[in-house]
Protein backbone atom coordinates (compact mmCIF):
# COMPACT_ATOMS: atom_id res chain seq x y z
CA UNK A 1 0.30 -0.14 -0.22
CA UNK A 2 2.86 2.64 0.50
CA UNK A 3 4.62 1.76 -2.36
CA UNK A 4 3.63 3.11 -5.78
CA UNK A 5 3.37 1.15 -8.79
CA UNK A 6 6.05 2.14 -11.31
CA UNK A 7 3.57 2.38 -14.17
CA UNK A 8 2.49 4.78 -12.26
CA UNK A 9 5.27 7.00 -11.06
CA UNK A 10 7.11 7.08 -14.63
CA UNK A 11 3.57 8.46 -15.82
CA UNK A 12 3.39 11.48 -13.08
CA UNK A 13 7.56 11.83 -13.71
CA UNK A 14 7.04 11.84 -17.61
CA UNK A 15 3.86 14.18 -17.12
CA UNK A 16 6.54 16.37 -15.10
CA UNK A 17 8.92 16.45 -17.40
CA UNK A 18 6.68 18.01 -19.90
CA UNK A 19 5.31 20.31 -18.05
CA UNK A 20 8.94 21.62 -16.93
CA UNK A 21 10.20 21.63 -20.63
CA UNK A 22 6.94 23.48 -22.03
CA UNK A 23 7.21 26.15 -18.95
CA UNK A 24 10.98 26.30 -19.96
CA UNK A 25 10.05 26.66 -23.67
CA UNK A 26 7.47 29.38 -23.08
CA UNK A 27 9.97 31.31 -20.88
CA UNK A 28 12.60 31.17 -23.10
CA UNK A 29 10.14 32.30 -26.19
CA UNK A 30 8.76 34.87 -24.16
CA UNK A 31 12.46 36.54 -23.21
CA UNK A 32 13.29 36.27 -26.98
CA UNK A 33 9.82 38.19 -27.68
CA UNK A 34 10.50 40.62 -24.82
CA UNK A 35 13.84 41.41 -25.98
CA UNK A 36 12.96 41.82 -29.64
CA UNK A 37 10.26 44.38 -28.63
CA UNK A 38 12.75 46.16 -26.15
CA UNK A 39 15.25 46.60 -28.46
CA UNK A 40 13.02 48.16 -31.38
CA UNK A 41 11.87 50.54 -28.85
CA UNK A 42 15.64 51.52 -28.00
CA UNK A 43 17.04 51.52 -31.13
CA UNK A 44 16.61 51.76 -34.71
CA UNK A 45 19.76 50.19 -35.71
CA UNK A 46 18.91 46.53 -37.58
CA UNK A 47 22.09 44.99 -36.87
CA UNK A 48 22.01 45.76 -33.04
CA UNK A 49 18.19 43.99 -32.71
CA UNK A 50 19.39 41.13 -34.29
CA UNK A 51 22.33 40.66 -32.39
CA UNK A 52 20.29 41.43 -28.75
CA UNK A 53 17.45 39.19 -30.32
CA UNK A 54 20.42 35.91 -31.03
CA UNK A 55 22.08 36.70 -27.79
CA UNK A 56 18.79 35.50 -25.90
CA UNK A 57 18.24 33.26 -27.96
CA UNK A 58 21.55 31.48 -28.20
CA UNK A 59 21.97 31.70 -24.29
CA UNK A 60 18.62 32.52 -22.75
CA UNK A 61 18.75 33.94 -19.10
CA UNK A 62 22.60 34.75 -19.02
CA UNK A 63 22.34 35.98 -22.96
CA UNK A 64 19.14 38.31 -21.04
CA UNK A 65 20.98 39.49 -18.23
CA UNK A 66 24.11 40.44 -21.07
CA UNK A 67 21.30 42.32 -22.84
CA UNK A 68 20.56 44.05 -20.14
CA UNK A 69 23.52 45.27 -18.96
CA UNK A 70 24.58 46.77 -22.82
CA UNK A 71 21.11 48.11 -24.14
CA UNK A 72 20.54 51.80 -24.71
CA UNK A 73 19.39 53.73 -21.07
CA UNK A 74 16.73 55.15 -23.28
CA UNK A 75 13.76 54.36 -25.34
CA UNK A 76 13.89 56.15 -28.31
CA UNK A 77 10.78 58.21 -27.44
CA UNK A 78 12.41 59.10 -24.00
CA UNK A 79 15.17 60.29 -26.28
CA UNK A 80 13.17 62.07 -28.34
CA UNK A 81 11.23 63.71 -24.99
CA UNK A 82 14.44 64.94 -23.72
CA UNK A 83 15.57 66.02 -26.79
CA UNK A 84 12.09 68.28 -27.19
CA UNK A 85 12.81 69.39 -23.76
CA UNK A 86 16.62 70.23 -23.92
CA UNK A 87 15.09 72.45 -26.90
CA UNK A 88 12.67 74.28 -25.06
CA UNK A 89 15.01 75.33 -22.12
CA UNK A 90 17.57 76.60 -24.95
CA UNK A 91 14.79 78.43 -26.77
CA UNK A 92 13.57 80.06 -23.17
CA UNK A 93 17.45 80.96 -22.66
CA UNK A 94 17.82 82.50 -26.33
CA UNK A 95 13.91 84.19 -26.00
CA UNK A 96 15.45 86.97 -23.64
CA UNK A 97 14.65 90.45 -24.87
CA UNK A 98 16.97 91.88 -26.57
CA UNK A 99 18.09 95.80 -27.18
CA UNK A 100 16.92 97.14 -30.43
CA UNK A 101 19.90 99.15 -31.16
CA UNK A 102 22.57 96.88 -30.42
CA UNK A 103 21.17 92.99 -29.88
CA UNK A 104 22.77 92.59 -26.48
CA UNK A 105 20.71 90.61 -24.09
CA UNK A 106 18.64 93.09 -21.86
CA UNK A 107 16.81 92.40 -18.72
CA UNK A 108 12.79 93.39 -18.78
CA UNK A 109 13.40 95.79 -15.73
CA UNK A 110 16.00 98.07 -17.65
CA UNK A 111 14.82 101.44 -18.61
CA UNK A 112 18.40 101.90 -20.89
CA UNK A 113 20.47 99.71 -22.53
CA UNK A 114 23.90 99.81 -20.78
CA UNK A 115 25.86 98.88 -23.40
CA UNK A 116 24.31 101.44 -26.32
CA UNK A 117 22.21 103.75 -23.74
CA UNK A 118 18.95 102.90 -26.20
CA UNK A 119 15.92 103.77 -24.20
CA UNK A 120 14.23 100.60 -23.76
CA UNK A 121 11.50 101.44 -21.12
CA UNK A 122 9.93 104.26 -19.44
CA UNK A 123 9.42 104.71 -15.56
CA UNK A 124 5.57 104.96 -15.03
CA UNK A 125 4.77 108.27 -13.82
CA UNK A 126 3.00 107.52 -10.45
CA UNK A 127 4.60 104.10 -9.02
CA UNK A 128 7.95 104.02 -11.13
CA UNK A 129 7.69 100.52 -12.35
CA UNK A 130 9.22 100.46 -15.94
CA UNK A 131 6.49 100.31 -18.87
CA UNK A 132 7.26 99.63 -22.48
CA UNK A 133 7.65 103.06 -24.19
CA UNK A 134 4.33 102.20 -26.61
CA UNK A 135 2.03 102.03 -23.33
CA UNK A 136 -0.59 104.21 -23.00
CA UNK A 137 -1.78 103.49 -19.43
CA UNK A 138 0.54 101.43 -16.35
CA UNK A 139 -0.67 97.87 -15.91
CA UNK A 140 0.60 97.93 -12.58
CA UNK A 141 -1.18 101.23 -10.98
CA UNK A 142 -3.43 102.28 -14.31
CA UNK A 143 -2.19 105.50 -14.42
CA UNK A 144 -2.68 106.89 -17.93
CA UNK A 145 1.04 107.69 -19.37
CA UNK A 146 1.67 110.84 -21.75
């Protein structure tokens, strides 16, 4: 009663081996598919894509570890977003006000250009805040300008 018949034990062993083999094959295939998708999102270079997938196909888990160590840090979309952000920051720096006389960068609160003495703004007659030369009224204290 304590012993399992040989045919029953061998059947269970065969079923466990088939299940384990199927699991390992599914894991291997999923790693290959994941690697292919990941490398496509990270580089447009076809040779790098093929090489990354081949490393995982041939070496399985060690190949995946090698791929993870060598893959590009950013996806193409992340790199594009970083480039856009950098361009926006640079555009913000270059959009500083310029003197109409000498084209040097000027501060928004300066009344004259320190380099060429061109008049940039005028002070409000009531509150003294710097105003654009074309403004008819002070936006700070609502005093009409002459």
